[in-house]
């Protein structure tokens, strides 16, 4: 024997009937925090700030990065020595 019961109710009514907590206020608070953190992160993404972070010494930083890349590249090919 098989019984089928259809219940029409809102999510709030179902939550109350099943005794589940209302987490909507907590979700709203968390979303406000996430939004604030995203805004702070995006403010640090302007081109001027990014260049200052990535290249603190300007051209000198570029030369150091080039040397680092070259040393890593050379380490991958032990048979290729500079002459």
C-alpha atoms as a PDB file:
ATOM      1  CA  UNK A   1       0.000   0.000   0.000  1.00  0.00           C
ATOM      2  CA  UNK A   2       1.313   3.426  -0.890  1.00  0.00           C
ATOM      3  CA  UNK A   3       0.162   6.847   0.343  1.00  0.00           C
ATOM      4  CA  UNK A   4       1.067  10.146  -1.256  1.00  0.00           C
ATOM      5  CA  UNK A   5       0.598  13.411   0.601  1.00  0.00           C
ATOM      6  CA  UNK A   6       1.090  16.807  -1.056  1.00  0.00           C
ATOM      7  CA  UNK A   7       1.674  19.753   1.240  1.00  0.00           C
ATOM      8  CA  UNK A   8       1.686  23.337   0.041  1.00  0.00           C
ATOM      9  CA  UNK A   9       3.527  25.723   2.315  1.00  0.00           C
ATOM     10  CA  UNK A  10       6.138  28.430   2.219  1.00  0.00           C
ATOM     11  CA  UNK A  11       9.758  27.728   3.185  1.00  0.00           C
ATOM     12  CA  UNK A  12       9.209  29.670   6.419  1.00  0.00           C
ATOM     13  CA  UNK A  13       6.181  27.544   7.302  1.00  0.00           C
ATOM     14  CA  UNK A  14       8.064  24.318   6.574  1.00  0.00           C
ATOM     15  CA  UNK A  15      11.043  25.467   8.651  1.00  0.00           C
ATOM     16  CA  UNK A  16       8.793  26.340  11.586  1.00  0.00           C
ATOM     17  CA  UNK A  17       6.867  23.064  11.315  1.00  0.00           C
ATOM     18  CA  UNK A  18      10.085  21.006  11.270  1.00  0.00           C
ATOM     19  CA  UNK A  19      11.605  23.016  14.119  1.00  0.00           C
ATOM     20  CA  UNK A  20      14.565  24.277  12.103  1.00  0.00           C
ATOM     21  CA  UNK A  21      16.202  27.593  13.033  1.00  0.00           C
ATOM     22  CA  UNK A  22      15.760  30.721  10.939  1.00  0.00           C
ATOM     23  CA  UNK A  23      19.252  31.409   9.574  1.00  0.00           C
ATOM     24  CA  UNK A  24      18.286  34.312   7.318  1.00  0.00           C
ATOM     25  CA  UNK A  25      19.557  37.038   9.730  1.00  0.00           C
ATOM     26  CA  UNK A  26      22.891  35.224  10.039  1.00  0.00           C
ATOM     27  CA  UNK A  27      23.129  34.852   6.243  1.00  0.00           C
ATOM     28  CA  UNK A  28      22.472  38.565   5.770  1.00  0.00           C
ATOM     29  CA  UNK A  29      25.171  39.480   8.317  1.00  0.00           C
ATOM     30  CA  UNK A  30      27.674  37.149   6.657  1.00  0.00           C
ATOM     31  CA  UNK A  31      26.879  38.533   3.212  1.00  0.00           C
ATOM     32  CA  UNK A  32      27.484  42.077   4.477  1.00  0.00           C
ATOM     33  CA  UNK A  33      30.900  40.977   5.790  1.00  0.00           C
ATOM     34  CA  UNK A  34      31.759  39.217   2.523  1.00  0.00           C
ATOM     35  CA  UNK A  35      30.715  42.300   0.552  1.00  0.00           C
ATOM     36  CA  UNK A  36      32.856  44.568   2.751  1.00  0.00           C
ATOM     37  CA  UNK A  37      35.901  42.307   2.367  1.00  0.00           C
ATOM     38  CA  UNK A  38      35.437  42.181  -1.396  1.00  0.00           C
ATOM     39  CA  UNK A  39      35.263  45.979  -1.543  1.00  0.00           C
ATOM     40  CA  UNK A  40      38.480  46.232   0.488  1.00  0.00           C
ATOM     41  CA  UNK A  41      40.224  43.710  -1.774  1.00  0.00           C
ATOM     42  CA  UNK A  42      39.081  45.516  -4.910  1.00  0.00           C
ATOM     43  CA  UNK A  43      40.352  48.848  -3.635  1.00  0.00           C
ATOM     44  CA  UNK A  44      43.833  47.299  -3.486  1.00  0.00           C
ATOM     45  CA  UNK A  45      43.535  46.208  -7.109  1.00  0.00           C
ATOM     46  CA  UNK A  46      44.004  49.610  -8.724  1.00  0.00           C
ATOM     47  CA  UNK A  47      46.965  49.603 -11.144  1.00  0.00           C
ATOM     48  CA  UNK A  48      49.131  51.987  -9.126  1.00  0.00           C
ATOM     49  CA  UNK A  49      48.872  49.932  -5.936  1.00  0.00           C
ATOM     50  CA  UNK A  50      49.454  46.674  -7.801  1.00  0.00           C
ATOM     51  CA  UNK A  51      52.622  47.998  -9.427  1.00  0.00           C
ATOM     52  CA  UNK A  52      53.934  49.181  -6.049  1.00  0.00           C
ATOM     53  CA  UNK A  53      53.327  45.729  -4.569  1.00  0.00           C
ATOM     54  CA  UNK A  54      54.757  43.790  -7.503  1.00  0.00           C
ATOM     55  CA  UNK A  55      57.669  46.084  -8.350  1.00  0.00           C
ATOM     56  CA  UNK A  56      58.790  47.800  -5.145  1.00  0.00           C
ATOM     57  CA  UNK A  57      62.174  48.803  -6.533  1.00  0.00           C
ATOM     58  CA  UNK A  58      61.067  49.580 -10.086  1.00  0.00           C
ATOM     59  CA  UNK A  59      63.662  48.595 -12.687  1.00  0.00           C
ATOM     60  CA  UNK A  60      65.876  47.009 -10.057  1.00  0.00           C
ATOM     61  CA  UNK A  61      63.017  44.673  -9.149  1.00  0.00           C
ATOM     62  CA  UNK A  62      62.619  43.787 -12.843  1.00  0.00           C
ATOM     63  CA  UNK A  63      66.296  42.865 -13.096  1.00  0.00           C
ATOM     64  CA  UNK A  64      66.045  40.673 -10.008  1.00  0.00           C
ATOM     65  CA  UNK A  65      62.984  38.929 -11.414  1.00  0.00           C
ATOM     66  CA  UNK A  66      64.760  38.364 -14.736  1.00  0.00           C
ATOM     67  CA  UNK A  67      67.775  36.842 -12.933  1.00  0.00           C
ATOM     68  CA  UNK A  68      65.480  34.601 -10.896  1.00  0.00           C
ATOM     69  CA  UNK A  69      63.665  33.382 -14.036  1.00  0.00           C
ATOM     70  CA  UNK A  70      66.965  32.771 -15.824  1.00  0.00           C
ATOM     71  CA  UNK A  71      68.390  30.782 -12.908  1.00  0.00           C
ATOM     72  CA  UNK A  72      65.243  28.632 -12.762  1.00  0.00           C
ATOM     73  CA  UNK A  73      65.353  28.122 -16.519  1.00  0.00           C
ATOM     74  CA  UNK A  74      69.035  27.175 -16.389  1.00  0.00           C
ATOM     75  CA  UNK A  75      68.418  24.743 -13.536  1.00  0.00           C
ATOM     76  CA  UNK A  76      65.906  22.903 -15.721  1.00  0.00           C
ATOM     77  CA  UNK A  77      68.547  22.298 -18.395  1.00  0.00           C
ATOM     78  CA  UNK A  78      71.750  21.111 -16.668  1.00  0.00           C
ATOM     79  CA  UNK A  79      73.591  20.529 -19.989  1.00  0.00           C
ATOM     80  CA  UNK A  80      73.207  24.132 -21.123  1.00  0.00           C
ATOM     81  CA  UNK A  81      76.008  26.177 -19.528  1.00  0.00           C
ATOM     82  CA  UNK A  82      76.815  29.792 -20.319  1.00  0.00           C
ATOM     83  CA  UNK A  83      80.075  30.245 -22.216  1.00  0.00           C
END
